[in-house]
Structures are given as structure tokens and as C-alpha cells.
Amino acid sequence: MNLKSIVLTTTLIAAATSPMAQAEPATYEIDRDHFSIAFFVEHIGYQDQAGMFLEASGEFVYDEAANSLESGEVIIEADSVFTNHDRRDRHLRGDDFLDSKEHDTIRFTAGDWQPGSDGEGRLTGQLTLLGETRPVALDVTLNKSAPYPFGHKQPTLGFSARTTIRRSDWGMTYGVEEDLVGDEVELRFEFEAIRQ
């Protein structure tokens, strides 16, 4: 075997055993300290009322090298809704809206991931709200993938995701016919996820 063949063989072996070639799905846990869930709903046509859910958790199994998602789930605590107005928040927790005593969580289960370009893609899944499960699709952007610069030092992914749903599809119809509260709800997720 000549020197050129030896170099080529060594290069192929190194490539085959490199971390990229050996990449496989890994579990990522959403960092509760860097997880924001915001929503916007029209209020009598005057403005879009903003709100948040303050408590949520989730994880997913993702192969970064292949840009493929095996599974994922986000669980939101319904009674953590917050709009910076106590009376309105109590109303939102009641049976006109979230009915959080009967349905304490809102759950999203990931389905098909269709990657696009420049870190963007489309994620379809199932949203369970008020005991009803319906399909939803989110536009997702992978903002950053890198070891964290301080603290845990683990590889970390940063995402933004958006979708718009019609709450009436889940049986939440309060104020829709009277045009008091919009039917469309814009949802926005911003989060970091840590490799386990």
C-alpha cells in the first residue's frame, strides 16, 4: 500500500468515526428559566391583548446532524395564565375560557418536522386544550446551537416558534359572536433547550 492509499484510508476511517458521522438522537430538556409562552387576542377591536403562561415544561428527542425530530412534548399549566390584571386572569382560569380546575394542563405533542432553509422549518402536532385534541402547525426557527457560555456548559439549542389557532375549534367560544374577544389566538414560544 503506497503512502497516498494509506492517507486516504486513514481519512476515511477518521470520517467514519467522527462525532458527526456517529451523531444520533439526543434528548433535550426545555430550560424553565428561559421559556416564554406568549399569546395575543383581539379585544373588541381596540387592541390585541397580550398574555403569558408562566409555568410550563417539555422535552424532545432530536438528531441535530440529520435535522430530524423523533418526539417531543410541551405541558403548560393552565392556571399560570397571566395578563397583568387579577380579575381578567381569574376570568381566564374559569369555565368561560381555560376551565383550569377541570383541565389543569394544556399539552402539545410533536408530530412531523419538515426542515426548511436557514434554520427554519414547520412542525405539526396535536394540541390538547379543554379536553379536545386538534392538529396545529408551528413555524419554527432554530436561532442558535452551541455549548452554553456559562453555568451548565451543555450543548444548548435556542428556538422561536409561532402559530395562530382558532380557540372555538376547541370549544372556547366566549365573546366570539359578540365580537368582544377575538377567536384567533396568536401563540409565540421562545425557549432554550439543554442536551441531557
Protein backbone atom coordinates (compact mmCIF):
# COMPACT_ATOMS: atom_id res chain seq x y z
CA MET A 1 0.00 0.00 0.00
CA ASN A 2 1.52 3.33 -1.03
CA LEU A 3 1.56 6.49 1.04
CA LYS A 4 -1.37 8.02 -0.86
CA SER A 5 -3.53 4.95 -0.18
CA ILE A 6 -2.60 4.98 3.50
CA VAL A 7 -3.56 8.65 3.83
CA LEU A 8 -6.86 8.07 2.02
CA THR A 9 -7.70 5.04 4.16
CA THR A 10 -6.84 6.91 7.37
CA THR A 11 -9.01 9.85 6.30
CA LEU A 12 -11.99 7.60 5.55
CA ILE A 13 -11.67 5.82 8.91
CA ALA A 14 -11.48 9.16 10.73
CA ALA A 15 -14.55 10.43 8.89
CA ALA A 16 -16.50 7.27 9.66
CA THR A 17 -15.74 7.52 13.37
CA SER A 18 -16.10 11.30 13.70
CA PRO A 19 -18.76 12.74 16.06
CA MET A 20 -20.75 13.98 13.08
CA ALA A 21 -20.85 10.55 11.47
CA GLN A 22 -21.72 8.94 14.78
CA ALA A 23 -24.36 11.54 15.62
CA GLU A 24 -27.60 10.14 16.95
CA PRO A 25 -30.80 11.44 18.51
CA ALA A 26 -30.39 13.12 21.87
CA THR A 27 -32.87 14.21 24.49
CA TYR A 28 -33.19 17.94 25.09
CA GLU A 29 -34.98 19.36 28.11
CA ILE A 30 -36.54 22.80 27.85
CA ASP A 31 -34.91 25.21 30.30
CA ARG A 32 -37.67 26.50 32.57
CA ASP A 33 -35.63 29.64 33.26
CA HIS A 34 -35.56 30.53 29.56
CA PHE A 35 -39.00 29.53 28.33
CA SER A 36 -41.57 32.16 27.35
CA ILE A 37 -45.09 31.43 26.10
CA ALA A 38 -46.98 34.49 24.95
CA PHE A 39 -50.40 34.92 23.36
CA PHE A 40 -52.25 37.80 21.69
CA VAL A 41 -56.04 38.08 21.31
CA GLU A 42 -58.08 40.94 19.87
CA HIS A 43 -60.19 42.82 22.43
CA ILE A 44 -63.33 44.46 20.97
CA GLY A 45 -61.26 45.63 18.01
CA TYR A 46 -59.39 48.19 20.11
CA GLN A 47 -56.14 46.29 20.65
CA ASP A 48 -54.55 42.87 20.85
CA GLN A 49 -54.43 41.88 24.50
CA ALA A 50 -51.14 40.22 25.42
CA GLY A 51 -50.76 37.46 27.96
CA MET A 52 -48.41 34.72 29.06
CA PHE A 53 -48.31 31.32 30.67
CA LEU A 54 -45.78 31.39 33.49
CA GLU A 55 -45.37 27.65 34.15
CA ALA A 56 -44.51 25.04 31.55
CA SER A 57 -42.13 22.17 30.89
CA GLY A 58 -41.11 19.99 27.99
CA GLU A 59 -38.55 17.87 26.25
CA PHE A 60 -37.88 16.44 22.81
CA VAL A 61 -35.64 13.91 21.06
CA TYR A 62 -33.72 15.47 18.19
CA ASP A 63 -30.88 14.44 15.87
CA GLU A 64 -29.11 17.68 15.03
CA ALA A 65 -26.81 16.16 12.38
CA ALA A 66 -29.79 14.76 10.48
CA ASN A 67 -32.11 17.64 11.44
CA SER A 68 -34.77 15.12 12.42
CA LEU A 69 -37.18 15.10 15.33
CA GLU A 70 -38.22 11.79 16.88
CA SER A 71 -40.64 13.02 19.52
CA GLY A 72 -41.49 15.98 21.72
CA GLU A 73 -43.96 17.31 24.23
CA VAL A 74 -44.73 20.59 25.97
CA ILE A 75 -47.02 20.76 29.01
CA ILE A 76 -48.42 24.14 30.09
CA GLU A 77 -50.05 24.75 33.47
CA ALA A 78 -53.40 26.33 32.57
CA ASP A 79 -53.79 28.26 35.84
CA SER A 80 -50.44 30.01 35.30
CA VAL A 81 -52.08 32.35 32.77
CA PHE A 82 -51.05 35.97 33.35
CA THR A 83 -52.23 39.20 31.72
CA ASN A 84 -51.21 41.65 34.47
CA HIS A 85 -54.83 42.06 35.63
CA ASP A 86 -56.10 39.91 38.52
CA ARG A 87 -59.81 39.98 37.66
CA ARG A 88 -59.17 39.15 34.00
CA ASP A 89 -56.78 36.36 34.96
CA ARG A 90 -59.41 34.81 37.25
CA HIS A 91 -61.91 35.00 34.37
CA LEU A 92 -59.45 33.31 32.02
CA ARG A 93 -58.94 30.47 34.52
CA GLY A 94 -62.71 29.96 34.78
CA ASP A 95 -65.06 27.91 32.62
CA ASP A 96 -65.62 30.68 30.06
CA PHE A 97 -62.06 30.14 28.88
CA LEU A 98 -59.44 27.69 30.21
CA ASP A 99 -61.55 25.94 32.88
CA SER A 100 -58.31 25.19 34.71
CA LYS A 101 -59.99 23.33 37.58
CA GLU A 102 -61.27 20.68 35.18
CA HIS A 103 -58.41 20.89 32.66
CA ASP A 104 -55.27 21.77 34.57
CA THR A 105 -52.83 21.34 31.67
CA ILE A 106 -52.55 22.30 28.02
CA ARG A 107 -50.48 19.78 26.08
CA PHE A 108 -48.69 19.90 22.74
CA THR A 109 -47.37 16.64 21.29
CA ALA A 110 -44.97 16.98 18.38
CA GLY A 111 -45.58 15.09 15.16
CA ASP A 112 -43.95 15.68 11.78
CA TRP A 113 -40.95 18.02 11.42
CA GLN A 114 -40.30 19.45 7.95
CA PRO A 115 -36.95 21.32 7.91
CA GLY A 116 -36.50 24.28 5.63
CA SER A 117 -33.56 26.58 4.98
CA ASP A 118 -31.60 28.87 7.30
CA GLY A 119 -32.66 27.01 10.44
CA GLU A 120 -36.37 27.35 9.69
CA GLY A 121 -38.95 24.63 9.44
CA ARG A 122 -42.54 23.61 10.07
CA LEU A 123 -43.65 21.41 12.94
CA THR A 124 -47.06 19.78 13.02
CA GLY A 125 -48.50 18.21 16.12
CA GLN A 126 -51.52 17.78 18.36
CA LEU A 127 -52.75 20.42 20.82
CA THR A 128 -54.93 19.26 23.69
CA LEU A 129 -56.98 22.08 25.23
CA LEU A 130 -60.19 21.79 27.28
CA GLY A 131 -60.03 18.02 26.79
CA GLU A 132 -60.16 18.32 23.00
CA THR A 133 -57.22 17.37 20.75
CA ARG A 134 -56.77 19.08 17.39
CA PRO A 135 -53.90 19.37 14.88
CA VAL A 136 -51.77 22.52 14.79
CA ALA A 137 -48.74 23.63 12.76
CA LEU A 138 -45.96 25.88 14.02
CA ASP A 139 -43.36 27.87 12.11
CA VAL A 140 -40.08 27.19 13.91
CA THR A 141 -36.65 28.83 13.75
CA LEU A 142 -33.50 27.37 15.26
CA ASN A 143 -31.73 30.54 16.41
CA LYS A 144 -28.54 29.03 17.82
CA SER A 145 -26.82 25.74 18.60
CA ALA A 146 -23.70 25.86 20.77
CA PRO A 147 -22.22 24.88 24.13
CA TYR A 148 -23.59 27.24 26.76
CA PRO A 149 -21.14 30.05 27.65
CA PHE A 150 -21.63 29.82 31.43
CA GLY A 151 -23.31 27.69 34.06
CA HIS A 152 -24.15 24.21 32.80
CA LYS A 153 -21.83 24.24 29.72
CA GLN A 154 -24.03 21.68 27.95
CA PRO A 155 -24.85 21.93 24.23
CA THR A 156 -27.92 24.15 24.03
CA LEU A 157 -30.43 24.92 21.30
CA GLY A 158 -32.40 28.17 21.08
CA PHE A 159 -35.75 28.26 19.28
CA SER A 160 -38.54 30.61 18.29
CA ALA A 161 -41.93 29.22 17.24
CA ARG A 162 -45.24 30.78 16.20
CA THR A 163 -48.72 29.68 15.27
CA THR A 164 -52.26 31.05 15.20
CA ILE A 165 -55.24 28.96 16.29
CA ARG A 166 -59.00 29.48 16.45
CA ARG A 167 -59.97 28.87 20.06
CA SER A 168 -63.52 28.00 19.03
CA ASP A 169 -62.12 24.82 17.43
CA TRP A 170 -61.54 23.63 20.99
CA GLY A 171 -64.98 24.77 22.19
CA MET A 172 -63.82 28.07 23.71
CA THR A 173 -66.45 30.41 22.29
CA TYR A 174 -66.94 33.10 24.97
CA GLY A 175 -67.27 36.55 23.37
CA VAL A 176 -66.79 35.36 19.79
CA GLU A 177 -70.31 36.02 18.43
CA GLU A 178 -70.49 39.42 20.12
CA ASP A 179 -67.02 40.39 18.79
CA LEU A 180 -65.89 41.07 22.35
CA VAL A 181 -62.93 38.69 22.31
CA GLY A 182 -61.27 37.51 19.12
CA ASP A 183 -61.49 33.91 18.00
CA GLU A 184 -57.94 33.87 16.63
CA VAL A 185 -55.17 33.48 19.18
CA GLU A 186 -51.59 34.13 18.14
CA LEU A 187 -49.15 31.97 20.11
CA ARG A 188 -45.43 32.62 20.37
CA PHE A 189 -42.84 30.40 22.03
CA GLU A 190 -39.25 31.42 22.83
CA PHE A 191 -37.07 28.87 24.58
CA GLU A 192 -33.69 27.28 25.18
CA ALA A 193 -33.27 23.50 25.41
CA ILE A 194 -30.37 21.73 27.11
CA ARG A 195 -28.93 18.44 25.88
CA GLN A 196 -29.24 15.76 28.57
